Amino acid sequence: MKTLRAGHTPSRRSPVRRPGLSAFALLFLGFFCLSMRFDTLPIPPRVDRPTTNSLRNVGFDQRLNAQIPLDLAFRDEAGRPVRLGTYFGPKPVILLLNYLKCPTLCPMVLDQLTHSLQRIRFDVGREFAVVTVSIDPRETPQLAAAQKAAYLRSYGRPGAAQGWHFLTGDPGTIQRLARAIGFRYTYDARQDRYIHPAGLVVLTPQGRIARYFFGPEFLPRDLRLGLVEASANRIGSPIDQVLLICYHYDPTTGKYGLVILRVLRWAGLVTVLAIGVLIVTLVRRERHKKI
């Protein structure tokens, strides 16, 4: 029998935790929760990407100054037969080709266009018109009317209903218009959808192609300057005329860029004129002092 020394107390051993049942229970519970979680997750649908061959047939071939056929027959959103030339005359026209049941790209392009049009002072129906043509011959005027109502609400300016049109047509008419503006698209029968480029065309009041703008986003400045040029300067302000001196349309990018050389030339001219005015003023003052 062990004796205890004075001043010493018997030591108490801390209980040893064994990684037994509790650790295995936690591990099992974790795997169980994970399995339950993944079982309840929805399986994402399989999305097939366009083949390389189909993408080769898609694009925009720029045909600046080309005349589009204004005799093409379509149906408007009310189902009435109309000629494309009905929407041309005194105003420039923004023309888009898309299709109304497009799941992704077309709504994005129209949303971005609407947003940009809200940021310029020109009004649809007053200074210019917008014509949207469906490339899907199966789409109906009823669907076009619903799309028009939705985007007019989004645009939110009075009088736009008389200037924004959604047209449908037969395959031959659609393809003829697409060829005229260089719009190359293809139909993917496996996925029942159209593969097409994103962009729009600005046309003169006579129906000639003035500018191409590639989407899905459009700068308000580019749209404004494109409309001013397409109208032969009949719309816009003196400020727009000055901007057109400093900004130049680049067909390769479909955007307006600042031309540094032009800016420097105009800045130099203004500087020379200012110096000339200053010299004349100083000379006149000196003459008045001598008198």
C-alpha atoms as a PDB file:
ATOM      1  CA  MET A   1       0.000   0.000   0.000  1.00  0.00           C
ATOM      2  CA  LYS A   2       1.413   3.331  -1.063  1.00  0.00           C
ATOM      3  CA  THR A   3       1.706   6.093   1.534  1.00  0.00           C
ATOM      4  CA  LEU A   4       1.119   9.709   0.793  1.00  0.00           C
ATOM      5  CA  ARG A   5       3.802  12.222   1.490  1.00  0.00           C
ATOM      6  CA  ALA A   6       2.995  15.362   3.375  1.00  0.00           C
ATOM      7  CA  GLY A   7       1.957  18.202   1.130  1.00  0.00           C
ATOM      8  CA  HIS A   8       1.009  15.935  -1.704  1.00  0.00           C
ATOM      9  CA  THR A   9      -2.465  15.209  -2.827  1.00  0.00           C
ATOM     10  CA  PRO A  10      -3.466  12.298  -4.963  1.00  0.00           C
ATOM     11  CA  SER A  11      -3.347  13.181  -8.687  1.00  0.00           C
ATOM     12  CA  ARG A  12      -6.463  12.893 -10.744  1.00  0.00           C
ATOM     13  CA  ARG A  13      -6.104  11.638 -14.248  1.00  0.00           C
ATOM     14  CA  SER A  14      -8.209  13.424 -16.883  1.00  0.00           C
ATOM     15  CA  PRO A  15     -10.425  11.071 -18.768  1.00  0.00           C
ATOM     16  CA  VAL A  16      -9.034  10.069 -22.149  1.00  0.00           C
ATOM     17  CA  ARG A  17     -11.366  10.736 -25.074  1.00  0.00           C
ATOM     18  CA  ARG A  18     -11.288   7.901 -27.474  1.00  0.00           C
ATOM     19  CA  PRO A  19     -12.006   8.614 -31.131  1.00  0.00           C
ATOM     20  CA  GLY A  20     -14.530   5.884 -31.186  1.00  0.00           C
ATOM     21  CA  LEU A  21     -18.230   5.984 -31.764  1.00  0.00           C
ATOM     22  CA  SER A  22     -18.662   9.778 -31.664  1.00  0.00           C
ATOM     23  CA  ALA A  23     -16.187  10.442 -34.518  1.00  0.00           C
ATOM     24  CA  PHE A  24     -17.619   7.679 -36.666  1.00  0.00           C
ATOM     25  CA  ALA A  25     -21.124   8.928 -35.942  1.00  0.00           C
ATOM     26  CA  LEU A  26     -20.252  12.456 -37.060  1.00  0.00           C
ATOM     27  CA  LEU A  27     -18.575  11.140 -40.193  1.00  0.00           C
ATOM     28  CA  PHE A  28     -21.561   9.004 -41.061  1.00  0.00           C
ATOM     29  CA  LEU A  29     -23.943  11.887 -40.382  1.00  0.00           C
ATOM     30  CA  GLY A  30     -21.929  14.181 -42.686  1.00  0.00           C
ATOM     31  CA  PHE A  31     -21.977  11.692 -45.555  1.00  0.00           C
ATOM     32  CA  PHE A  32     -25.674  11.133 -45.016  1.00  0.00           C
ATOM     33  CA  CYS A  33     -26.450  14.869 -45.167  1.00  0.00           C
ATOM     34  CA  LEU A  34     -24.348  15.316 -48.276  1.00  0.00           C
ATOM     35  CA  SER A  35     -26.042  12.446 -50.019  1.00  0.00           C
ATOM     36  CA  MET A  36     -29.458  13.806 -49.118  1.00  0.00           C
ATOM     37  CA  ARG A  37     -28.455  17.271 -50.349  1.00  0.00           C
ATOM     38  CA  PHE A  38     -27.165  16.109 -53.722  1.00  0.00           C
ATOM     39  CA  ASP A  39     -30.145  13.856 -54.233  1.00  0.00           C
ATOM     40  CA  THR A  40     -32.447  16.863 -53.987  1.00  0.00           C
ATOM     41  CA  LEU A  41     -30.436  19.068 -56.371  1.00  0.00           C
ATOM     42  CA  PRO A  42     -32.011  19.384 -59.826  1.00  0.00           C
ATOM     43  CA  ILE A  43     -29.966  18.056 -62.704  1.00  0.00           C
ATOM     44  CA  PRO A  44     -29.194  20.921 -65.117  1.00  0.00           C
ATOM     45  CA  PRO A  45     -30.460  20.393 -68.644  1.00  0.00           C
ATOM     46  CA  ARG A  46     -27.925  19.488 -71.264  1.00  0.00           C
ATOM     47  CA  VAL A  47     -27.090  22.443 -73.479  1.00  0.00           C
ATOM     48  CA  ASP A  48     -25.681  21.682 -76.891  1.00  0.00           C
ATOM     49  CA  ARG A  49     -23.327  24.245 -78.311  1.00  0.00           C
ATOM     50  CA  PRO A  50     -23.470  25.223 -81.970  1.00  0.00           C
ATOM     51  CA  THR A  51     -21.179  23.256 -84.209  1.00  0.00           C
ATOM     52  CA  THR A  52     -18.209  24.853 -85.924  1.00  0.00           C
ATOM     53  CA  ASN A  53     -19.804  24.410 -89.345  1.00  0.00           C
ATOM     54  CA  SER A  54     -22.952  26.267 -88.278  1.00  0.00           C
ATOM     55  CA  LEU A  55     -20.953  29.161 -86.836  1.00  0.00           C
ATOM     56  CA  ARG A  56     -19.111  29.592 -90.122  1.00  0.00           C
ATOM     57  CA  ASN A  57     -22.379  30.613 -91.753  1.00  0.00           C
ATOM     58  CA  VAL A  58     -23.106  33.301 -89.154  1.00  0.00           C
ATOM     59  CA  GLY A  59     -21.917  36.900 -89.318  1.00  0.00           C
ATOM     60  CA  PHE A  60     -22.397  40.450 -90.559  1.00  0.00           C
ATOM     61  CA  ASP A  61     -21.015  41.389 -93.982  1.00  0.00           C
ATOM     62  CA  GLN A  62     -20.965  45.165 -94.096  1.00  0.00           C
ATOM     63  CA  ARG A  63     -22.495  46.671 -97.226  1.00  0.00           C
ATOM     64  CA  LEU A  64     -22.270  50.369 -96.524  1.00  0.00           C
ATOM     65  CA  ASN A  65     -24.274  52.611 -98.851  1.00  0.00           C
ATOM     66  CA  ALA A  66     -26.090  49.616-100.362  1.00  0.00           C
ATOM     67  CA  GLN A  67     -29.779  50.059-101.131  1.00  0.00           C
ATOM     68  CA  ILE A  68     -32.139  47.639 -99.408  1.00  0.00           C
ATOM     69  CA  PRO A  69     -35.268  46.447-101.286  1.00  0.00           C
ATOM     70  CA  LEU A  70     -38.133  48.606-100.053  1.00  0.00           C
ATOM     71  CA  ASP A  71     -40.750  46.626-101.991  1.00  0.00           C
ATOM     72  CA  LEU A  72     -40.572  43.634 -99.633  1.00  0.00           C
ATOM     73  CA  ALA A  73     -43.956  42.590 -98.226  1.00  0.00           C
ATOM     74  CA  PHE A  74     -44.339  41.805 -94.514  1.00  0.00           C
ATOM     75  CA  ARG A  75     -47.091  41.790 -91.921  1.00  0.00           C
ATOM     76  CA  ASP A  76     -47.109  44.273 -89.077  1.00  0.00           C
ATOM     77  CA  GLU A  77     -47.991  43.523 -85.465  1.00  0.00           C
ATOM     78  CA  ALA A  78     -51.694  43.985 -86.278  1.00  0.00           C
ATOM     79  CA  GLY A  79     -51.536  41.387 -89.062  1.00  0.00           C
ATOM     80  CA  ARG A  80     -51.879  43.935 -91.865  1.00  0.00           C
ATOM     81  CA  PRO A  81     -49.828  43.488 -95.055  1.00  0.00           C
ATOM     82  CA  VAL A  82     -47.247  46.272 -95.337  1.00  0.00           C
ATOM     83  CA  ARG A  83     -44.375  47.216 -97.610  1.00  0.00           C
ATOM     84  CA  LEU A  84     -41.006  47.796 -96.016  1.00  0.00           C
ATOM     85  CA  GLY A  85     -40.821  51.162 -97.762  1.00  0.00           C
ATOM     86  CA  THR A  86     -43.795  52.322 -95.681  1.00  0.00           C
ATOM     87  CA  TYR A  87     -41.425  53.028 -92.807  1.00  0.00           C
ATOM     88  CA  PHE A  88     -38.971  55.077 -94.859  1.00  0.00           C
ATOM     89  CA  GLY A  89     -39.253  58.642 -96.046  1.00  0.00           C
ATOM     90  CA  PRO A  90     -38.512  61.627 -93.838  1.00  0.00           C
ATOM     91  CA  LYS A  91     -36.607  59.851 -91.051  1.00  0.00           C
ATOM     92  CA  PRO A  92     -33.607  57.524 -90.638  1.00  0.00           C
ATOM     93  CA  VAL A  93     -34.418  53.963 -89.577  1.00  0.00           C
ATOM     94  CA  ILE A  94     -32.809  51.542 -87.132  1.00  0.00           C
ATOM     95  CA  LEU A  95     -33.262  47.998 -88.487  1.00  0.00           C
ATOM     96  CA  LEU A  96     -32.857  44.821 -86.433  1.00  0.00           C
ATOM     97  CA  LEU A  97     -33.185  41.201 -87.497  1.00  0.00           C
ATOM     98  CA  ASN A  98     -33.876  38.700 -84.717  1.00  0.00           C
ATOM     99  CA  TYR A  99     -36.628  36.341 -83.691  1.00  0.00           C
ATOM    100  CA  LEU A 100     -39.204  36.808 -80.995  1.00  0.00           C
ATOM    101  CA  LYS A 101     -38.875  33.425 -79.263  1.00  0.00           C
ATOM    102  CA  CYS A 102     -35.105  33.673 -78.997  1.00  0.00           C
ATOM    103  CA  PRO A 103     -34.183  32.507 -75.476  1.00  0.00           C
ATOM    104  CA  THR A 104     -31.055  34.570 -74.846  1.00  0.00           C
ATOM    105  CA  LEU A 105     -29.369  36.821 -77.409  1.00  0.00           C
ATOM    106  CA  CYS A 106     -32.343  38.641 -78.962  1.00  0.00           C
ATOM    107  CA  PRO A 107     -33.873  39.818 -75.664  1.00  0.00           C
ATOM    108  CA  MET A 108     -30.431  40.984 -74.584  1.00  0.00           C
ATOM    109  CA  VAL A 109     -29.972  43.005 -77.787  1.00  0.00           C
ATOM    110  CA  LEU A 110     -33.434  44.571 -77.549  1.00  0.00           C
ATOM    111  CA  ASP A 111     -32.991  45.365 -73.861  1.00  0.00           C
ATOM    112  CA  GLN A 112     -29.641  47.031 -74.494  1.00  0.00           C
ATOM    113  CA  LEU A 113     -31.041  48.968 -77.450  1.00  0.00           C
ATOM    114  CA  THR A 114     -33.991  50.182 -75.392  1.00  0.00           C
ATOM    115  CA  HIS A 115     -31.673  51.244 -72.580  1.00  0.00           C
ATOM    116  CA  SER A 116     -29.449  53.185 -74.989  1.00  0.00           C
ATOM    117  CA  LEU A 117     -32.410  54.846 -76.721  1.00  0.00           C
ATOM    118  CA  GLN A 118     -33.608  56.070 -73.342  1.00  0.00           C
ATOM    119  CA  ARG A 119     -30.299  57.884 -72.913  1.00  0.00           C
ATOM    120  CA  ILE A 120     -30.427  59.946 -76.117  1.00  0.00           C
ATOM    121  CA  ARG A 121     -32.668  62.946 -76.612  1.00  0.00           C
ATOM    122  CA  PHE A 122     -34.041  61.792 -79.986  1.00  0.00           C
ATOM    123  CA  ASP A 123     -37.483  60.194 -79.755  1.00  0.00           C
ATOM    124  CA  VAL A 124     -38.623  57.067 -81.565  1.00  0.00           C
ATOM    125  CA  GLY A 125     -41.388  58.130 -83.930  1.00  0.00           C
ATOM    126  CA  ARG A 126     -40.286  61.746 -84.084  1.00  0.00           C
ATOM    127  CA  GLU A 127     -36.656  61.900 -85.212  1.00  0.00           C
ATOM    128  CA  PHE A 128     -36.262  58.275 -86.326  1.00  0.00           C
ATOM    129  CA  ALA A 129     -38.025  54.915 -86.612  1.00  0.00           C
ATOM    130  CA  VAL A 130     -37.161  51.407 -85.408  1.00  0.00           C
ATOM    131  CA  VAL A 131     -38.091  48.324 -87.453  1.00  0.00           C
ATOM    132  CA  THR A 132     -37.643  44.853 -85.970  1.00  0.00           C
ATOM    133  CA  VAL A 133     -38.030  41.945 -88.408  1.00  0.00           C
ATOM    134  CA  SER A 134     -38.352  38.340 -87.253  1.00  0.00           C
ATOM    135  CA  ILE A 135     -36.145  35.828 -89.067  1.00  0.00           C
ATOM    136  CA  ASP A 136     -38.445  32.969 -88.016  1.00  0.00           C
ATOM    137  CA  PRO A 137     -41.277  32.631 -90.576  1.00  0.00           C
ATOM    138  CA  ARG A 138     -43.324  30.619 -88.067  1.00  0.00           C
ATOM    139  CA  GLU A 139     -43.775  33.593 -85.745  1.00  0.00           C
ATOM    140  CA  THR A 140     -47.116  35.383 -85.862  1.00  0.00           C
ATOM    141  CA  PRO A 141     -48.319  38.988 -85.709  1.00  0.00           C
ATOM    142  CA  GLN A 142     -49.894  38.203 -82.331  1.00  0.00           C
ATOM    143  CA  LEU A 143     -46.480  37.389 -80.907  1.00  0.00           C
ATOM    144  CA  ALA A 144     -45.065  40.512 -82.544  1.00  0.00           C
ATOM    145  CA  ALA A 145     -47.802  42.626 -80.942  1.00  0.00           C
ATOM    146  CA  ALA A 146     -46.970  41.259 -77.498  1.00  0.00           C
ATOM    147  CA  GLN A 147     -43.282  42.021 -77.990  1.00  0.00           C
ATOM    148  CA  LYS A 148     -44.050  45.529 -79.198  1.00  0.00           C
ATOM    149  CA  ALA A 149     -46.232  46.268 -76.190  1.00  0.00           C
ATOM    150  CA  ALA A 150     -43.539  45.032 -73.808  1.00  0.00           C
ATOM    151  CA  TYR A 151     -40.758  47.147 -75.289  1.00  0.00           C
ATOM    152  CA  LEU A 152     -42.922  50.227 -75.617  1.00  0.00           C
ATOM    153  CA  ARG A 153     -43.621  49.974 -71.895  1.00  0.00           C
ATOM    154  CA  SER A 154     -39.919  49.607 -71.228  1.00  0.00           C
ATOM    155  CA  TYR A 155     -39.019  52.561 -73.477  1.00  0.00           C
ATOM    156  CA  GLY A 156     -41.661  54.713 -71.840  1.00  0.00           C
ATOM    157  CA  ARG A 157     -41.817  57.703 -74.191  1.00  0.00           C
ATOM    158  CA  PRO A 158     -45.054  58.962 -75.760  1.00  0.00           C
ATOM    159  CA  GLY A 159     -45.547  58.583 -79.489  1.00  0.00           C
ATOM    160  CA  ALA A 160     -43.195  55.618 -79.835  1.00  0.00           C
ATOM    161  CA  ALA A 161     -45.994  53.280 -80.961  1.00  0.00           C
ATOM    162  CA  GLN A 162     -46.106  55.073 -84.317  1.00  0.00           C
ATOM    163  CA  GLY A 163     -42.351  54.716 -84.782  1.00  0.00           C
ATOM    164  CA  TRP A 164     -41.409  51.240 -83.494  1.00  0.00           C
ATOM    165  CA  HIS A 165     -42.617  48.332 -85.633  1.00  0.00           C
ATOM    166  CA  PHE A 166     -42.346  44.541 -85.278  1.00  0.00           C
ATOM    167  CA  LEU A 167     -42.742  42.695 -88.581  1.00  0.00           C
ATOM    168  CA  THR A 168     -43.126  39.050 -89.579  1.00  0.00           C
ATOM    169  CA  GLY A 169     -42.889  37.514 -93.036  1.00  0.00           C
ATOM    170  CA  ASP A 170     -42.381  34.478 -95.234  1.00  0.00           C
ATOM    171  CA  PRO A 171     -38.991  32.732 -95.651  1.00  0.00           C
ATOM    172  CA  GLY A 172     -38.160  34.184 -99.063  1.00  0.00           C
ATOM    173  CA  THR A 173     -38.855  37.764 -98.033  1.00  0.00           C
ATOM    174  CA  ILE A 174     -36.865  37.432 -94.826  1.00  0.00           C
ATOM    175  CA  GLN A 175     -33.882  35.919 -96.613  1.00  0.00           C
ATOM    176  CA  ARG A 176     -33.919  38.624 -99.262  1.00  0.00           C
ATOM    177  CA  LEU A 177     -33.756  41.357 -96.636  1.00  0.00           C
ATOM    178  CA  ALA A 178     -31.058  39.494 -94.712  1.00  0.00           C
ATOM    179  CA  ARG A 179     -28.900  39.185 -97.830  1.00  0.00           C
ATOM    180  CA  ALA A 180     -29.350  42.877 -98.601  1.00  0.00           C
ATOM    181  CA  ILE A 181     -27.834  43.951 -95.272  1.00  0.00           C
ATOM    182  CA  GLY A 182     -25.265  41.124 -95.101  1.00  0.00           C
ATOM    183  CA  PHE A 183     -26.964  39.375 -92.178  1.00  0.00           C
ATOM    184  CA  ARG A 184     -25.899  35.707 -92.245  1.00  0.00           C
ATOM    185  CA  TYR A 185     -27.778  33.298 -90.003  1.00  0.00           C
ATOM    186  CA  THR A 186     -28.608  29.603 -89.875  1.00  0.00           C
ATOM    187  CA  TYR A 187     -31.266  27.362 -88.396  1.00  0.00           C
ATOM    188  CA  ASP A 188     -30.270  24.599 -85.981  1.00  0.00           C
ATOM    189  CA  ALA A 189     -32.974  21.945 -86.427  1.00  0.00           C
ATOM    190  CA  ARG A 190     -31.627  19.754 -83.634  1.00  0.00           C
ATOM    191  CA  GLN A 191     -32.165  22.488 -81.053  1.00  0.00           C
ATOM    192  CA  ASP A 192     -34.971  24.263 -82.949  1.00  0.00           C
ATOM    193  CA  ARG A 193     -33.319  27.659 -82.795  1.00  0.00           C
ATOM    194  CA  TYR A 194     -31.667  30.233 -85.019  1.00  0.00           C
ATOM    195  CA  ILE A 195     -27.997  31.087 -84.742  1.00  0.00           C
ATOM    196  CA  HIS A 196     -27.356  34.667 -85.801  1.00  0.00           C
ATOM    197  CA  PRO A 197     -25.109  37.677 -85.157  1.00  0.00           C
ATOM    198  CA  ALA A 198     -25.925  40.464 -82.716  1.00  0.00           C
ATOM    199  CA  GLY A 199     -26.178  43.945 -84.144  1.00  0.00           C
ATOM    200  CA  LEU A 200     -28.262  46.516 -85.942  1.00  0.00           C
ATOM    201  CA  VAL A 201     -28.188  48.663 -89.061  1.00  0.00           C
ATOM    202  CA  VAL A 202     -28.871  52.393 -89.354  1.00  0.00           C
ATOM    203  CA  LEU A 203     -30.387  53.347 -92.712  1.00  0.00           C
ATOM    204  CA  THR A 204     -30.960  56.649 -94.452  1.00  0.00           C
ATOM    205  CA  PRO A 205     -34.515  57.867 -95.107  1.00  0.00           C
ATOM    206  CA  GLN A 206     -34.090  56.540 -98.667  1.00  0.00           C
ATOM    207  CA  GLY A 207     -33.197  53.036 -97.447  1.00  0.00           C
ATOM    208  CA  ARG A 208     -29.416  53.050 -97.902  1.00  0.00           C
ATOM    209  CA  ILE A 209     -27.173  51.412 -95.314  1.00  0.00           C
ATOM    210  CA  ALA A 210     -25.372  54.137 -93.374  1.00  0.00           C
ATOM    211  CA  ARG A 211     -23.920  52.424 -90.315  1.00  0.00           C
ATOM    212  CA  TYR A 212     -23.500  49.011 -88.661  1.00  0.00           C
ATOM    213  CA  PHE A 213     -23.405  48.690 -84.886  1.00  0.00           C
ATOM    214  CA  PHE A 214     -22.462  45.372 -83.324  1.00  0.00           C
ATOM    215  CA  GLY A 215     -24.112  44.242 -80.098  1.00  0.00           C
ATOM    216  CA  PRO A 216     -25.266  43.161 -77.760  1.00  0.00           C
ATOM    217  CA  GLU A 217     -24.445  46.573 -76.237  1.00  0.00           C
ATOM    218  CA  PHE A 218     -24.756  49.884 -78.055  1.00  0.00           C
ATOM    219  CA  LEU A 219     -23.250  53.166 -76.912  1.00  0.00           C
ATOM    220  CA  PRO A 220     -25.818  55.987 -76.859  1.00  0.00           C
ATOM    221  CA  ARG A 221     -23.222  58.328 -78.377  1.00  0.00           C
ATOM    222  CA  ASP A 222     -22.710  55.981 -81.336  1.00  0.00           C
ATOM    223  CA  LEU A 223     -26.432  55.644 -81.981  1.00  0.00           C
ATOM    224  CA  ARG A 224     -26.925  59.402 -81.789  1.00  0.00           C
ATOM    225  CA  LEU A 225     -24.076  60.212 -84.169  1.00  0.00           C
ATOM    226  CA  GLY A 226     -25.108  57.412 -86.525  1.00  0.00           C
ATOM    227  CA  LEU A 227     -28.647  58.777 -86.727  1.00  0.00           C
ATOM    228  CA  VAL A 228     -27.362  62.310 -87.316  1.00  0.00           C
ATOM    229  CA  GLU A 229     -25.170  61.147 -90.200  1.00  0.00           C
ATOM    230  CA  ALA A 230     -27.887  58.928 -91.672  1.00  0.00           C
ATOM    231  CA  SER A 231     -30.300  61.860 -91.674  1.00  0.00           C
ATOM    232  CA  ALA A 232     -27.792  63.988 -93.641  1.00  0.00           C
ATOM    233  CA  ASN A 233     -27.599  66.313 -90.619  1.00  0.00           C
ATOM    234  CA  ARG A 234     -31.336  67.027 -90.673  1.00  0.00           C
ATOM    235  CA  ILE A 235     -31.595  66.032 -87.020  1.00  0.00           C
ATOM    236  CA  GLY A 236     -29.265  66.841 -84.176  1.00  0.00           C
ATOM    237  CA  SER A 237     -27.739  70.033 -82.826  1.00  0.00           C
ATOM    238  CA  PRO A 238     -24.623  72.097 -83.585  1.00  0.00           C
ATOM    239  CA  ILE A 239     -22.902  70.158 -80.811  1.00  0.00           C
ATOM    240  CA  ASP A 240     -23.516  66.941 -82.753  1.00  0.00           C
ATOM    241  CA  GLN A 241     -21.917  68.533 -85.808  1.00  0.00           C
ATOM    242  CA  VAL A 242     -18.838  69.410 -83.764  1.00  0.00           C
ATOM    243  CA  LEU A 243     -18.693  65.868 -82.378  1.00  0.00           C
ATOM    244  CA  LEU A 244     -18.811  64.453 -85.905  1.00  0.00           C
ATOM    245  CA  ILE A 245     -15.712  66.504 -86.696  1.00  0.00           C
ATOM    246  CA  CYS A 246     -13.844  64.971 -83.759  1.00  0.00           C
ATOM    247  CA  TYR A 247     -15.323  61.459 -83.937  1.00  0.00           C
ATOM    248  CA  HIS A 248     -14.938  59.113 -86.886  1.00  0.00           C
ATOM    249  CA  TYR A 249     -16.896  55.935 -87.624  1.00  0.00           C
ATOM    250  CA  ASP A 250     -14.715  52.828 -87.806  1.00  0.00           C
ATOM    251  CA  PRO A 251     -16.397  50.087 -89.896  1.00  0.00           C
ATOM    252  CA  THR A 252     -14.132  47.380 -88.475  1.00  0.00           C
ATOM    253  CA  THR A 253     -15.372  47.951 -84.924  1.00  0.00           C
ATOM    254  CA  GLY A 254     -18.779  49.441 -85.647  1.00  0.00           C
ATOM    255  CA  LYS A 255     -18.064  52.320 -83.263  1.00  0.00           C
ATOM    256  CA  TYR A 256     -17.170  55.992 -83.308  1.00  0.00           C
ATOM    257  CA  GLY A 257     -13.673  56.824 -82.133  1.00  0.00           C
ATOM    258  CA  LEU A 258     -11.983  60.090 -81.286  1.00  0.00           C
ATOM    259  CA  VAL A 259      -9.702  61.235 -84.109  1.00  0.00           C
ATOM    260  CA  ILE A 260      -6.740  62.773 -82.287  1.00  0.00           C
ATOM    261  CA  LEU A 261      -5.288  64.391 -85.409  1.00  0.00           C
ATOM    262  CA  ARG A 262      -8.532  66.215 -86.130  1.00  0.00           C
ATOM    263  CA  VAL A 263      -8.787  67.377 -82.538  1.00  0.00           C
ATOM    264  CA  LEU A 264      -5.222  68.703 -82.639  1.00  0.00           C
ATOM    265  CA  ARG A 265      -5.876  70.513 -85.912  1.00  0.00           C
ATOM    266  CA  TRP A 266      -8.972  72.207 -84.582  1.00  0.00           C
ATOM    267  CA  ALA A 267      -7.282  73.001 -81.291  1.00  0.00           C
ATOM    268  CA  GLY A 268      -4.361  74.529 -83.210  1.00  0.00           C
ATOM    269  CA  LEU A 269      -6.732  76.575 -85.358  1.00  0.00           C
ATOM    270  CA  VAL A 270      -8.560  77.876 -82.303  1.00  0.00           C
ATOM    271  CA  THR A 271      -5.235  78.725 -80.657  1.00  0.00           C
ATOM    272  CA  VAL A 272      -4.023  80.664 -83.724  1.00  0.00           C
ATOM    273  CA  LEU A 273      -7.297  82.576 -83.899  1.00  0.00           C
ATOM    274  CA  ALA A 274      -7.113  83.387 -80.189  1.00  0.00           C
ATOM    275  CA  ILE A 275      -3.535  84.648 -80.543  1.00  0.00           C
ATOM    276  CA  GLY A 276      -4.557  86.739 -83.562  1.00  0.00           C
ATOM    277  CA  VAL A 277      -7.438  88.316 -81.657  1.00  0.00           C
ATOM    278  CA  LEU A 278      -5.122  89.018 -78.719  1.00  0.00           C
ATOM    279  CA  ILE A 279      -2.517  90.694 -80.962  1.00  0.00           C
ATOM    280  CA  VAL A 280      -5.132  92.878 -82.667  1.00  0.00           C
ATOM    281  CA  THR A 281      -6.537  93.898 -79.287  1.00  0.00           C
ATOM    282  CA  LEU A 282      -3.095  94.817 -77.904  1.00  0.00           C
ATOM    283  CA  VAL A 283      -2.199  96.829 -81.023  1.00  0.00           C
ATOM    284  CA  ARG A 284      -5.426  98.798 -80.789  1.00  0.00           C
ATOM    285  CA  ARG A 285      -4.789  99.566 -77.130  1.00  0.00           C
ATOM    286  CA  GLU A 286      -1.294 100.831 -77.904  1.00  0.00           C
ATOM    287  CA  ARG A 287      -2.648 103.099 -80.616  1.00  0.00           C
ATOM    288  CA  HIS A 288      -5.247 104.540 -78.268  1.00  0.00           C
ATOM    289  CA  LYS A 289      -2.538 105.237 -75.659  1.00  0.00           C
ATOM    290  CA  LYS A 290      -0.397 107.144 -78.186  1.00  0.00           C
ATOM    291  CA  ILE A 291      -3.342 109.248 -79.245  1.00  0.00           C
END
